[in-house]
Amino acid sequence: MAVKLKRLDILIAQAAQELERYETFRMKLYEAMTDGLVDREEYHQMRKRYTQQIEVSEQALHELEQRRKETEEEAAPDRTWMEQFLQYQNITAKEAMDIAYDYGYYIFWHLGISSLWTMPCMKLLEKATGRLQPKDYKAVS
């Protein structure tokens, strides 16, 4: 999803540059007429053409921005877990161990999921956190 957003950002930047280029051409067109490089009729024809190109560029830019917004909204569920993860970015090692212990307790004991590393892992967490496993814990084989 991030790659798609980055690609859309590049396309939006290119569309904005194109729009700016046409606006600059249209502005310089008047100077060209006052300097005698183009006559009044050419000025009006070229101004009309640049104005049309500006309108097309504005529409394309708007559509790209809308597509980016929709893509970003689609990615919102992906950000939810990331935001939850980031809330723990400033915790201490002890707090991290407590969280791991709580998740381990839930996964291994309440759900009954066990593996070869379950007990050694939980023993390390018990030692690190100073918390003991419940007395009613029975290893699941």
N, C-alpha and C. Protein backbone atom coordinates (compact mmCIF):
# COMPACT_ATOMS: atom_id res chain seq x y z
N MET A 1 0.82 -1.19 0.00
CA MET A 1 0.00 0.00 0.00
C MET A 1 0.87 1.26 0.00
N ALA A 2 1.98 1.20 0.72
CA ALA A 2 2.87 2.36 0.78
C ALA A 2 3.47 2.65 -0.60
N VAL A 3 3.76 1.60 -1.35
CA VAL A 3 4.32 1.77 -2.70
C VAL A 3 3.30 2.45 -3.60
N LYS A 4 2.04 2.04 -3.46
CA LYS A 4 0.98 2.63 -4.27
C LYS A 4 0.81 4.11 -3.93
N LEU A 5 0.87 4.44 -2.64
CA LEU A 5 0.76 5.84 -2.22
C LEU A 5 1.94 6.66 -2.73
N LYS A 6 3.13 6.08 -2.68
CA LYS A 6 4.32 6.78 -3.15
C LYS A 6 4.21 7.05 -4.66
N ARG A 7 3.73 6.05 -5.39
CA ARG A 7 3.55 6.20 -6.84
C ARG A 7 2.54 7.30 -7.14
N LEU A 8 1.44 7.32 -6.38
CA LEU A 8 0.44 8.37 -6.57
C LEU A 8 1.02 9.75 -6.22
N ASP A 9 1.85 9.81 -5.20
CA ASP A 9 2.49 11.08 -4.84
C ASP A 9 3.36 11.59 -5.99
N ILE A 10 4.06 10.67 -6.64
CA ILE A 10 4.90 11.05 -7.78
C ILE A 10 4.03 11.57 -8.92
N LEU A 11 2.95 10.85 -9.21
CA LEU A 11 2.04 11.28 -10.29
C LEU A 11 1.40 12.63 -9.97
N ILE A 12 1.06 12.85 -8.71
CA ILE A 12 0.47 14.13 -8.29
C ILE A 12 1.49 15.25 -8.48
N ALA A 13 2.73 15.01 -8.10
CA ALA A 13 3.78 16.02 -8.27
C ALA A 13 3.99 16.34 -9.75
N GLN A 14 3.97 15.32 -10.59
CA GLN A 14 4.14 15.54 -12.03
C GLN A 14 2.96 16.34 -12.60
N ALA A 15 1.75 16.01 -12.17
CA ALA A 15 0.56 16.73 -12.65
C ALA A 15 0.59 18.18 -12.19
N ALA A 16 1.06 18.41 -10.97
CA ALA A 16 1.15 19.78 -10.45
C ALA A 16 2.20 20.57 -11.24
N GLN A 17 3.31 19.93 -11.59
CA GLN A 17 4.33 20.59 -12.41
C GLN A 17 3.80 20.94 -13.79
N GLU A 18 3.05 20.02 -14.38
CA GLU A 18 2.46 20.26 -15.70
C GLU A 18 1.49 21.44 -15.63
N LEU A 19 0.66 21.46 -14.61
CA LEU A 19 -0.28 22.55 -14.44
C LEU A 19 0.46 23.88 -14.29
N GLU A 20 1.48 23.89 -13.49
CA GLU A 20 2.27 25.11 -13.29
C GLU A 20 2.92 25.56 -14.59
N ARG A 21 3.40 24.58 -15.38
CA ARG A 21 4.04 24.90 -16.66
C ARG A 21 3.05 25.60 -17.61
N TYR A 22 1.82 25.06 -17.71
CA TYR A 22 0.82 25.68 -18.59
C TYR A 22 0.41 27.06 -18.08
N GLU A 23 0.32 27.21 -16.77
CA GLU A 23 -0.02 28.53 -16.23
C GLU A 23 1.08 29.54 -16.53
N THR A 24 2.33 29.08 -16.46
CA THR A 24 3.46 29.96 -16.79
C THR A 24 3.42 30.32 -18.27
N PHE A 25 3.17 29.34 -19.15
CA PHE A 25 3.06 29.63 -20.58
C PHE A 25 1.99 30.67 -20.85
N ARG A 26 0.84 30.51 -20.20
CA ARG A 26 -0.26 31.45 -20.42
C ARG A 26 0.12 32.85 -19.95
N MET A 27 0.83 32.94 -18.83
CA MET A 27 1.25 34.27 -18.34
C MET A 27 2.26 34.91 -19.30
N LYS A 28 3.20 34.12 -19.78
CA LYS A 28 4.24 34.65 -20.66
C LYS A 28 3.69 34.99 -22.04
N LEU A 29 2.55 34.43 -22.37
CA LEU A 29 1.94 34.69 -23.66
C LEU A 29 1.59 36.18 -23.81
N TYR A 30 1.09 36.77 -22.74
CA TYR A 30 0.74 38.21 -22.79
C TYR A 30 2.00 39.04 -23.04
N GLU A 31 3.08 38.66 -22.36
CA GLU A 31 4.35 39.38 -22.57
C GLU A 31 4.80 39.25 -24.02
N ALA A 32 4.60 38.05 -24.59
CA ALA A 32 4.99 37.83 -25.99
C ALA A 32 4.18 38.73 -26.93
N MET A 33 2.90 38.93 -26.58
CA MET A 33 2.06 39.79 -27.41
C MET A 33 2.50 41.25 -27.28
N THR A 34 2.78 41.68 -26.03
CA THR A 34 3.19 43.08 -25.85
C THR A 34 4.55 43.36 -26.46
N ASP A 35 5.40 42.32 -26.55
CA ASP A 35 6.71 42.48 -27.18
C ASP A 35 6.63 42.36 -28.70
N GLY A 36 5.45 42.02 -29.23
CA GLY A 36 5.26 41.91 -30.67
C GLY A 36 5.67 40.57 -31.24
N LEU A 37 5.90 39.57 -30.39
CA LEU A 37 6.28 38.24 -30.89
C LEU A 37 5.09 37.49 -31.47
N VAL A 38 3.88 37.74 -30.93
CA VAL A 38 2.65 37.15 -31.46
C VAL A 38 1.64 38.27 -31.63
N ASP A 39 0.76 38.12 -32.63
CA ASP A 39 -0.27 39.16 -32.80
C ASP A 39 -1.46 38.84 -31.90
N ARG A 40 -2.45 39.72 -31.91
CA ARG A 40 -3.61 39.61 -31.01
C ARG A 40 -4.41 38.32 -31.28
N GLU A 41 -4.57 37.97 -32.53
CA GLU A 41 -5.33 36.76 -32.87
C GLU A 41 -4.61 35.50 -32.38
N GLU A 42 -3.30 35.44 -32.62
CA GLU A 42 -2.52 34.30 -32.13
C GLU A 42 -2.58 34.23 -30.60
N TYR A 43 -2.51 35.41 -29.99
CA TYR A 43 -2.58 35.47 -28.52
C TYR A 43 -3.88 34.82 -28.03
N HIS A 44 -5.02 35.19 -28.61
CA HIS A 44 -6.31 34.65 -28.16
C HIS A 44 -6.42 33.15 -28.42
N GLN A 45 -5.92 32.69 -29.57
CA GLN A 45 -5.95 31.26 -29.88
C GLN A 45 -5.08 30.47 -28.89
N MET A 46 -3.87 30.96 -28.68
CA MET A 46 -2.96 30.26 -27.79
C MET A 46 -3.43 30.33 -26.33
N ARG A 47 -4.01 31.47 -25.95
CA ARG A 47 -4.53 31.61 -24.59
C ARG A 47 -5.68 30.61 -24.37
N LYS A 48 -6.54 30.48 -25.38
CA LYS A 48 -7.65 29.53 -25.28
C LYS A 48 -7.12 28.10 -25.15
N ARG A 49 -6.10 27.77 -25.95
CA ARG A 49 -5.53 26.42 -25.89
C ARG A 49 -4.86 26.16 -24.53
N TYR A 50 -4.10 27.13 -24.02
CA TYR A 50 -3.47 26.96 -22.71
C TYR A 50 -4.51 26.87 -21.59
N THR A 51 -5.57 27.64 -21.71
CA THR A 51 -6.64 27.58 -20.70
C THR A 51 -7.29 26.20 -20.69
N GLN A 52 -7.52 25.63 -21.88
CA GLN A 52 -8.07 24.27 -21.95
C GLN A 52 -7.11 23.25 -21.33
N GLN A 53 -5.82 23.41 -21.64
CA GLN A 53 -4.84 22.48 -21.08
C GLN A 53 -4.76 22.62 -19.55
N ILE A 54 -4.91 23.83 -19.06
CA ILE A 54 -4.91 24.06 -17.61
C ILE A 54 -6.11 23.37 -16.98
N GLU A 55 -7.27 23.48 -17.62
CA GLU A 55 -8.47 22.84 -17.09
C GLU A 55 -8.31 21.31 -17.06
N VAL A 56 -7.75 20.76 -18.13
CA VAL A 56 -7.52 19.31 -18.18
C VAL A 56 -6.52 18.90 -17.09
N SER A 57 -5.47 19.68 -16.92
CA SER A 57 -4.46 19.38 -15.90
C SER A 57 -5.04 19.48 -14.50
N GLU A 58 -5.88 20.49 -14.27
CA GLU A 58 -6.52 20.63 -12.95
C GLU A 58 -7.42 19.44 -12.66
N GLN A 59 -8.16 18.99 -13.67
CA GLN A 59 -9.04 17.83 -13.50
C GLN A 59 -8.22 16.57 -13.20
N ALA A 60 -7.14 16.39 -13.96
CA ALA A 60 -6.28 15.21 -13.74
C ALA A 60 -5.67 15.25 -12.35
N LEU A 61 -5.23 16.42 -11.92
CA LEU A 61 -4.65 16.57 -10.58
C LEU A 61 -5.70 16.26 -9.51
N HIS A 62 -6.90 16.76 -9.71
CA HIS A 62 -7.99 16.51 -8.75
C HIS A 62 -8.29 15.00 -8.65
N GLU A 63 -8.34 14.33 -9.81
CA GLU A 63 -8.62 12.89 -9.83
C GLU A 63 -7.51 12.10 -9.14
N LEU A 64 -6.27 12.49 -9.37
CA LEU A 64 -5.15 11.81 -8.71
C LEU A 64 -5.20 12.01 -7.19
N GLU A 65 -5.50 13.23 -6.78
CA GLU A 65 -5.61 13.50 -5.34
C GLU A 65 -6.75 12.71 -4.72
N GLN A 66 -7.86 12.58 -5.44
CA GLN A 66 -8.99 11.80 -4.96
C GLN A 66 -8.61 10.32 -4.85
N ARG A 67 -7.91 9.82 -5.87
CA ARG A 67 -7.47 8.43 -5.85
C ARG A 67 -6.51 8.17 -4.70
N ARG A 68 -5.64 9.14 -4.42
CA ARG A 68 -4.71 9.00 -3.29
C ARG A 68 -5.47 8.96 -1.98
N LYS A 69 -6.47 9.81 -1.86
CA LYS A 69 -7.27 9.85 -0.64
C LYS A 69 -7.99 8.51 -0.43
N GLU A 70 -8.56 7.97 -1.50
CA GLU A 70 -9.25 6.68 -1.41
C GLU A 70 -8.27 5.56 -1.05
N THR A 71 -7.09 5.59 -1.65
CA THR A 71 -6.08 4.58 -1.35
C THR A 71 -5.64 4.69 0.11
N GLU A 72 -5.50 5.91 0.58
CA GLU A 72 -5.12 6.13 1.97
C GLU A 72 -6.20 5.62 2.92
N GLU A 73 -7.46 5.82 2.56
CA GLU A 73 -8.56 5.33 3.38
C GLU A 73 -8.61 3.80 3.38
N GLU A 74 -8.28 3.18 2.24
CA GLU A 74 -8.22 1.72 2.18
C GLU A 74 -7.11 1.19 3.08
N ALA A 75 -6.04 1.96 3.20
CA ALA A 75 -4.90 1.54 4.01
C ALA A 75 -5.13 1.79 5.49
N ALA A 76 -6.21 2.48 5.84
CA ALA A 76 -6.45 2.83 7.24
C ALA A 76 -6.46 1.62 8.16
N PRO A 77 -7.10 0.50 7.80
CA PRO A 77 -7.04 -0.66 8.70
C PRO A 77 -5.61 -1.14 8.93
N ASP A 78 -4.75 -1.02 7.91
CA ASP A 78 -3.36 -1.40 8.07
C ASP A 78 -2.66 -0.51 9.08
N ARG A 79 -3.05 0.76 9.12
CA ARG A 79 -2.42 1.68 10.05
C ARG A 79 -2.88 1.45 11.48
N THR A 80 -4.04 0.86 11.64
CA THR A 80 -4.56 0.65 12.98
C THR A 80 -3.59 -0.17 13.82
N TRP A 81 -3.14 -1.30 13.30
CA TRP A 81 -2.20 -2.11 14.07
C TRP A 81 -0.90 -1.38 14.29
N MET A 82 -0.50 -0.56 13.29
CA MET A 82 0.73 0.18 13.42
C MET A 82 0.62 1.22 14.53
N GLU A 83 -0.53 1.90 14.59
CA GLU A 83 -0.74 2.89 15.64
C GLU A 83 -0.74 2.22 17.01
N GLN A 84 -1.34 1.05 17.09
CA GLN A 84 -1.33 0.32 18.36
C GLN A 84 0.10 -0.06 18.72
N PHE A 85 0.86 -0.49 17.75
CA PHE A 85 2.25 -0.87 17.98
C PHE A 85 3.06 0.34 18.43
N LEU A 86 2.85 1.49 17.79
CA LEU A 86 3.63 2.68 18.10
C LEU A 86 3.34 3.24 19.49
N GLN A 87 2.20 2.88 20.07
CA GLN A 87 1.92 3.40 21.40
C GLN A 87 2.90 2.86 22.43
N TYR A 88 3.62 1.79 22.06
CA TYR A 88 4.59 1.19 22.97
C TYR A 88 6.03 1.60 22.67
N GLN A 89 6.23 2.60 21.82
CA GLN A 89 7.58 2.94 21.40
C GLN A 89 8.45 3.52 22.52
N ASN A 90 7.86 4.08 23.57
CA ASN A 90 8.66 4.70 24.62
C ASN A 90 8.60 3.93 25.94
N ILE A 91 8.31 2.64 25.88
CA ILE A 91 8.22 1.88 27.12
C ILE A 91 9.58 1.34 27.53
N THR A 92 9.70 1.03 28.81
CA THR A 92 10.96 0.48 29.31
C THR A 92 11.01 -1.01 29.02
N ALA A 93 12.19 -1.59 29.22
CA ALA A 93 12.35 -3.03 29.01
C ALA A 93 11.45 -3.80 29.97
N LYS A 94 11.34 -3.34 31.19
CA LYS A 94 10.50 -4.01 32.19
C LYS A 94 9.04 -3.99 31.74
N GLU A 95 8.57 -2.85 31.25
CA GLU A 95 7.19 -2.75 30.76
C GLU A 95 6.98 -3.67 29.55
N ALA A 96 7.99 -3.77 28.68
CA ALA A 96 7.88 -4.65 27.52
C ALA A 96 7.78 -6.11 27.97
N MET A 97 8.54 -6.46 28.97
CA MET A 97 8.47 -7.83 29.51
C MET A 97 7.09 -8.10 30.10
N ASP A 98 6.54 -7.12 30.81
CA ASP A 98 5.20 -7.29 31.38
C ASP A 98 4.16 -7.51 30.29
N ILE A 99 4.26 -6.75 29.23
CA ILE A 99 3.31 -6.88 28.12
C ILE A 99 3.48 -8.26 27.47
N ALA A 100 4.72 -8.66 27.23
CA ALA A 100 4.97 -9.98 26.64
C ALA A 100 4.44 -11.08 27.55
N TYR A 101 4.61 -10.90 28.84
CA TYR A 101 4.11 -11.90 29.79
C TYR A 101 2.59 -11.99 29.70
N ASP A 102 1.92 -10.82 29.66
CA ASP A 102 0.45 -10.82 29.57
C ASP A 102 -0.04 -11.49 28.29
N TYR A 103 0.60 -11.16 27.17
CA TYR A 103 0.21 -11.79 25.91
C TYR A 103 0.53 -13.28 25.93
N GLY A 104 1.70 -13.62 26.46
CA GLY A 104 2.07 -15.03 26.55
C GLY A 104 1.10 -15.80 27.43
N TYR A 105 0.73 -15.21 28.53
CA TYR A 105 -0.22 -15.86 29.44
C TYR A 105 -1.53 -16.13 28.71
N TYR A 106 -2.02 -15.14 28.01
CA TYR A 106 -3.28 -15.30 27.29
C TYR A 106 -3.18 -16.36 26.21
N ILE A 107 -2.16 -16.25 25.37
CA ILE A 107 -2.03 -17.16 24.23
C ILE A 107 -1.76 -18.59 24.68
N PHE A 108 -0.82 -18.75 25.59
CA PHE A 108 -0.40 -20.10 25.95
C PHE A 108 -1.34 -20.78 26.94
N TRP A 109 -1.89 -20.03 27.88
CA TRP A 109 -2.68 -20.67 28.92
C TRP A 109 -4.18 -20.62 28.64
N HIS A 110 -4.69 -19.48 28.22
CA HIS A 110 -6.13 -19.38 27.96
C HIS A 110 -6.53 -20.06 26.66
N LEU A 111 -5.70 -19.92 25.64
CA LEU A 111 -6.04 -20.54 24.36
C LEU A 111 -5.51 -21.97 24.25
N GLY A 112 -4.65 -22.35 25.17
CA GLY A 112 -4.12 -23.70 25.18
C GLY A 112 -3.11 -23.98 24.09
N ILE A 113 -2.50 -22.93 23.58
CA ILE A 113 -1.49 -23.10 22.53
C ILE A 113 -0.15 -23.34 23.21
N SER A 114 0.51 -24.38 22.80
CA SER A 114 1.79 -24.71 23.42
C SER A 114 2.76 -25.16 22.34
N SER A 115 4.03 -25.02 22.66
CA SER A 115 5.07 -25.50 21.76
C SER A 115 6.28 -25.82 22.61
N LEU A 116 7.35 -26.25 21.97
CA LEU A 116 8.56 -26.61 22.70
C LEU A 116 9.17 -25.43 23.44
N TRP A 117 8.98 -24.23 22.93
CA TRP A 117 9.59 -23.06 23.56
C TRP A 117 8.66 -22.35 24.52
N THR A 118 7.44 -22.81 24.67
CA THR A 118 6.48 -22.15 25.54
C THR A 118 6.99 -22.03 26.97
N MET A 119 7.34 -23.15 27.56
CA MET A 119 7.75 -23.13 28.96
C MET A 119 9.04 -22.34 29.17
N PRO A 120 10.09 -22.58 28.38
CA PRO A 120 11.31 -21.78 28.60
C PRO A 120 11.07 -20.29 28.42
N CYS A 121 10.26 -19.93 27.43
CA CYS A 121 9.95 -18.53 27.18
C CYS A 121 9.22 -17.92 28.37
N MET A 122 8.20 -18.61 28.87
CA MET A 122 7.43 -18.09 29.99
C MET A 122 8.27 -18.05 31.26
N LYS A 123 9.18 -19.01 31.42
CA LYS A 123 10.07 -19.01 32.59
C LYS A 123 10.97 -17.77 32.56
N LEU A 124 11.50 -17.44 31.38
CA LEU A 124 12.32 -16.24 31.25
C LEU A 124 11.51 -14.98 31.56
N LEU A 125 10.28 -14.94 31.07
CA LEU A 125 9.44 -13.78 31.34
C LEU A 125 9.08 -13.69 32.82
N GLU A 126 8.84 -14.85 33.45
CA GLU A 126 8.56 -14.84 34.89
C GLU A 126 9.74 -14.28 35.66
N LYS A 127 10.93 -14.70 35.27
CA LYS A 127 12.14 -14.24 35.95
C LYS A 127 12.34 -12.73 35.72
N ALA A 128 12.12 -12.27 34.50
CA ALA A 128 12.33 -10.86 34.17
C ALA A 128 11.30 -9.96 34.82
N THR A 129 10.06 -10.44 34.90
CA THR A 129 8.98 -9.59 35.43
C THR A 129 8.76 -9.78 36.92
N GLY A 130 9.25 -10.89 37.44
CA GLY A 130 9.00 -11.17 38.84
C GLY A 130 7.59 -11.70 39.08
N ARG A 131 6.91 -12.04 38.02
CA ARG A 131 5.54 -12.57 38.12
C ARG A 131 5.58 -14.08 37.95
N LEU A 132 4.76 -14.76 38.67
CA LEU A 132 4.72 -16.22 38.61
C LEU A 132 3.51 -16.69 37.84
N GLN A 133 3.65 -17.87 37.26
CA GLN A 133 2.52 -18.43 36.52
C GLN A 133 1.44 -18.88 37.50
N PRO A 134 0.20 -18.93 37.04
CA PRO A 134 -0.88 -19.37 37.92
C PRO A 134 -0.66 -20.82 38.36
N LYS A 135 -1.13 -21.13 39.55
CA LYS A 135 -0.93 -22.47 40.09
C LYS A 135 -1.74 -23.51 39.31
N ASP A 136 -2.84 -23.09 38.67
CA ASP A 136 -3.68 -24.05 37.96
C ASP A 136 -3.20 -24.30 36.53
N TYR A 137 -2.02 -23.78 36.19
CA TYR A 137 -1.51 -23.97 34.84
C TYR A 137 -1.12 -25.42 34.63
N LYS A 138 -1.57 -25.96 33.53
CA LYS A 138 -1.20 -27.30 33.14
C LYS A 138 -0.66 -27.23 31.72
N ALA A 139 0.51 -27.75 31.53
CA ALA A 139 1.13 -27.70 30.20
C ALA A 139 0.28 -28.46 29.20
N VAL A 140 0.11 -27.89 28.05
CA VAL A 140 -0.63 -28.54 26.97
C VAL A 140 0.39 -29.22 26.07
N SER A 141 0.16 -30.48 25.78
CA SER A 141 1.14 -31.21 24.95
C SER A 141 0.67 -31.27 23.52
